[in-house]
Amino acid sequence: MLFNGKQVRVNVHGPASKEFVAAADAQQRFIASRVTIKKGGGVKNTLDPEESHEQDAKFLAAVTASIDNFPYEGGPVAVYRERRLSYIADQVRAALNDQSSFFTGKAKG
């Protein structure tokens, strides 16, 4: 993606980083606080779509080191909250889920 003729780059902390681990832990605690086990088994999820979207934006912002060449008022969390920019969040999520995004070169073996 280009903005004002410059390539936009999103730099994220990888899954082994302290930032990623802290963000993932916070996300899991939040989700756990919205799920209850029903009497007799089963699960009741009280998480609404807006809360889910907000939590996702907070997680992505927490693992984002910087967004280069895309000044946006409110910073990364505002970018991820903005539904018209959901393609950016989708790309960041995909990169985070692809472990090869965080390793360079050939594996020795």
C-alpha atoms as a PDB file:
ATOM      1  CA  MET A   1       0.000   0.000   0.000  1.00  0.00           C
ATOM      2  CA  LEU A   2       1.239   3.475  -0.843  1.00  0.00           C
ATOM      3  CA  PHE A   3       0.352   6.679   0.957  1.00  0.00           C
ATOM      4  CA  ASN A   4       1.574   9.962  -0.514  1.00  0.00           C
ATOM      5  CA  GLY A   5       3.875   7.960  -2.772  1.00  0.00           C
ATOM      6  CA  LYS A   6       5.563   6.107   0.112  1.00  0.00           C
ATOM      7  CA  GLN A   7       5.161   2.473   1.024  1.00  0.00           C
ATOM      8  CA  VAL A   8       3.233   1.878   4.233  1.00  0.00           C
ATOM      9  CA  ARG A   9       4.854  -0.614   6.586  1.00  0.00           C
ATOM     10  CA  VAL A  10       3.444  -2.080   9.762  1.00  0.00           C
ATOM     11  CA  ASN A  11       6.149  -3.306  12.117  1.00  0.00           C
ATOM     12  CA  VAL A  12       4.952  -5.793  14.699  1.00  0.00           C
ATOM     13  CA  HIS A  13       6.422  -7.606  17.671  1.00  0.00           C
ATOM     14  CA  GLY A  14       6.677 -11.333  16.993  1.00  0.00           C
ATOM     15  CA  PRO A  15       4.991 -14.132  18.924  1.00  0.00           C
ATOM     16  CA  ALA A  16       8.083 -14.771  21.068  1.00  0.00           C
ATOM     17  CA  SER A  17       8.359 -11.137  22.201  1.00  0.00           C
ATOM     18  CA  LYS A  18       7.354  -9.905  25.637  1.00  0.00           C
ATOM     19  CA  GLU A  19       4.957  -7.416  23.997  1.00  0.00           C
ATOM     20  CA  PHE A  20       3.127 -10.143  22.083  1.00  0.00           C
ATOM     21  CA  VAL A  21       2.953 -12.460  25.099  1.00  0.00           C
ATOM     22  CA  ALA A  22       1.577  -9.671  27.316  1.00  0.00           C
ATOM     23  CA  ALA A  23      -1.014  -8.683  24.674  1.00  0.00           C
ATOM     24  CA  ALA A  24      -2.092 -12.304  24.131  1.00  0.00           C
ATOM     25  CA  ASP A  25      -2.412 -12.829  27.903  1.00  0.00           C
ATOM     26  CA  ALA A  26      -4.550  -9.688  28.236  1.00  0.00           C
ATOM     27  CA  GLN A  27      -6.736 -10.831  25.356  1.00  0.00           C
ATOM     28  CA  GLN A  28      -7.222 -14.288  26.869  1.00  0.00           C
ATOM     29  CA  ARG A  29      -8.105 -12.812  30.283  1.00  0.00           C
ATOM     30  CA  PHE A  30     -10.662 -10.540  28.632  1.00  0.00           C
ATOM     31  CA  ILE A  31     -12.234 -13.397  26.667  1.00  0.00           C
ATOM     32  CA  ALA A  32     -12.302 -15.623  29.748  1.00  0.00           C
ATOM     33  CA  SER A  33     -14.132 -12.868  31.640  1.00  0.00           C
ATOM     34  CA  ARG A  34     -16.909 -12.975  29.030  1.00  0.00           C
ATOM     35  CA  VAL A  35     -17.402 -16.732  28.934  1.00  0.00           C
ATOM     36  CA  THR A  36     -19.212 -18.728  31.605  1.00  0.00           C
ATOM     37  CA  ILE A  37     -19.837 -22.440  31.918  1.00  0.00           C
ATOM     38  CA  LYS A  38     -23.534 -23.199  32.160  1.00  0.00           C
ATOM     39  CA  LYS A  39     -24.963 -25.507  34.751  1.00  0.00           C
ATOM     40  CA  GLY A  40     -25.066 -28.989  33.237  1.00  0.00           C
ATOM     41  CA  GLY A  41     -22.329 -28.179  30.711  1.00  0.00           C
ATOM     42  CA  GLY A  42     -22.011 -25.907  27.744  1.00  0.00           C
ATOM     43  CA  VAL A  43     -20.629 -22.435  27.437  1.00  0.00           C
ATOM     44  CA  LYS A  44     -22.332 -19.054  27.458  1.00  0.00           C
ATOM     45  CA  ASN A  45     -20.490 -16.314  25.604  1.00  0.00           C
ATOM     46  CA  THR A  46     -21.474 -12.791  26.679  1.00  0.00           C
ATOM     47  CA  LEU A  47     -18.997 -11.058  24.366  1.00  0.00           C
ATOM     48  CA  ASP A  48     -20.785  -8.745  21.950  1.00  0.00           C
ATOM     49  CA  PRO A  49     -19.400  -7.916  18.486  1.00  0.00           C
ATOM     50  CA  GLU A  50     -18.412  -4.354  19.423  1.00  0.00           C
ATOM     51  CA  GLU A  51     -16.465  -5.554  22.474  1.00  0.00           C
ATOM     52  CA  SER A  52     -14.789  -8.172  20.310  1.00  0.00           C
ATOM     53  CA  HIS A  53     -13.806  -5.575  17.700  1.00  0.00           C
ATOM     54  CA  GLU A  54     -12.440  -3.252  20.396  1.00  0.00           C
ATOM     55  CA  GLN A  55     -10.449  -6.044  22.046  1.00  0.00           C
ATOM     56  CA  ASP A  56      -9.002  -7.057  18.680  1.00  0.00           C
ATOM     57  CA  ALA A  57      -7.963  -3.437  18.002  1.00  0.00           C
ATOM     58  CA  LYS A  58      -6.281  -3.231  21.410  1.00  0.00           C
ATOM     59  CA  PHE A  59      -4.433  -6.519  20.842  1.00  0.00           C
ATOM     60  CA  LEU A  60      -3.197  -5.482  17.396  1.00  0.00           C
ATOM     61  CA  ALA A  61      -2.144  -2.056  18.691  1.00  0.00           C
ATOM     62  CA  ALA A  62      -0.262  -3.661  21.585  1.00  0.00           C
ATOM     63  CA  VAL A  63       1.774  -5.840  19.218  1.00  0.00           C
ATOM     64  CA  THR A  64       2.388  -3.040  16.707  1.00  0.00           C
ATOM     65  CA  ALA A  65       5.778  -1.385  17.115  1.00  0.00           C
ATOM     66  CA  SER A  66       5.035   1.245  14.455  1.00  0.00           C
ATOM     67  CA  ILE A  67       3.135   2.066  11.318  1.00  0.00           C
ATOM     68  CA  ASP A  68       5.472   3.854   8.911  1.00  0.00           C
ATOM     69  CA  ASN A  69       4.359   6.393   6.304  1.00  0.00           C
ATOM     70  CA  PHE A  70       0.697   6.350   7.317  1.00  0.00           C
ATOM     71  CA  PRO A  71       0.006   9.129   9.805  1.00  0.00           C
ATOM     72  CA  TYR A  72      -3.398   8.536  11.346  1.00  0.00           C
ATOM     73  CA  GLU A  73      -4.823  10.533  14.213  1.00  0.00           C
ATOM     74  CA  GLY A  74      -4.979   8.315  17.278  1.00  0.00           C
ATOM     75  CA  GLY A  75      -2.173   6.003  16.149  1.00  0.00           C
ATOM     76  CA  PRO A  76      -2.328   2.253  15.607  1.00  0.00           C
ATOM     77  CA  VAL A  77      -5.314   1.574  17.849  1.00  0.00           C
ATOM     78  CA  ALA A  78      -7.354   4.122  15.868  1.00  0.00           C
ATOM     79  CA  VAL A  79      -6.281   2.487  12.599  1.00  0.00           C
ATOM     80  CA  TYR A  80      -7.400  -0.921  13.851  1.00  0.00           C
ATOM     81  CA  ARG A  81     -10.685   0.467  15.239  1.00  0.00           C
ATOM     82  CA  GLU A  82     -11.596   2.106  11.921  1.00  0.00           C
ATOM     83  CA  ARG A  83     -13.769  -0.360  10.049  1.00  0.00           C
ATOM     84  CA  ARG A  84     -12.968   1.282   6.697  1.00  0.00           C
ATOM     85  CA  LEU A  85      -9.337   0.287   7.285  1.00  0.00           C
ATOM     86  CA  SER A  86     -10.134  -3.305   8.255  1.00  0.00           C
ATOM     87  CA  TYR A  87      -7.949  -4.555   5.395  1.00  0.00           C
ATOM     88  CA  ILE A  88      -4.916  -3.315   7.342  1.00  0.00           C
ATOM     89  CA  ALA A  89      -5.946  -5.232  10.459  1.00  0.00           C
ATOM     90  CA  ASP A  90      -6.633  -8.301   8.306  1.00  0.00           C
ATOM     91  CA  GLN A  91      -3.133  -8.162   6.801  1.00  0.00           C
ATOM     92  CA  VAL A  92      -1.474  -7.678  10.195  1.00  0.00           C
ATOM     93  CA  ARG A  93      -3.464 -10.577  11.669  1.00  0.00           C
ATOM     94  CA  ALA A  94      -2.451 -12.802   8.738  1.00  0.00           C
ATOM     95  CA  ALA A  95       1.223 -11.893   9.171  1.00  0.00           C
ATOM     96  CA  LEU A  96       1.037 -12.600  12.909  1.00  0.00           C
ATOM     97  CA  ASN A  97      -0.435 -16.031  12.191  1.00  0.00           C
ATOM     98  CA  ASP A  98       2.337 -16.879   9.713  1.00  0.00           C
ATOM     99  CA  GLN A  99       5.401 -17.844  11.734  1.00  0.00           C
ATOM    100  CA  SER A 100       7.600 -17.485   8.642  1.00  0.00           C
ATOM    101  CA  SER A 101       6.948 -13.725   8.839  1.00  0.00           C
ATOM    102  CA  PHE A 102       9.345 -13.595  11.785  1.00  0.00           C
ATOM    103  CA  PHE A 103      12.242 -15.646  10.508  1.00  0.00           C
ATOM    104  CA  THR A 104      14.653 -14.890   7.681  1.00  0.00           C
ATOM    105  CA  GLY A 105      17.069 -17.090   5.813  1.00  0.00           C
ATOM    106  CA  LYS A 106      17.091 -20.838   5.487  1.00  0.00           C
ATOM    107  CA  ALA A 107      16.754 -23.147   8.431  1.00  0.00           C
ATOM    108  CA  LYS A 108      19.863 -25.134   9.191  1.00  0.00           C
ATOM    109  CA  GLY A 109      19.417 -28.795   9.551  1.00  0.00           C
END
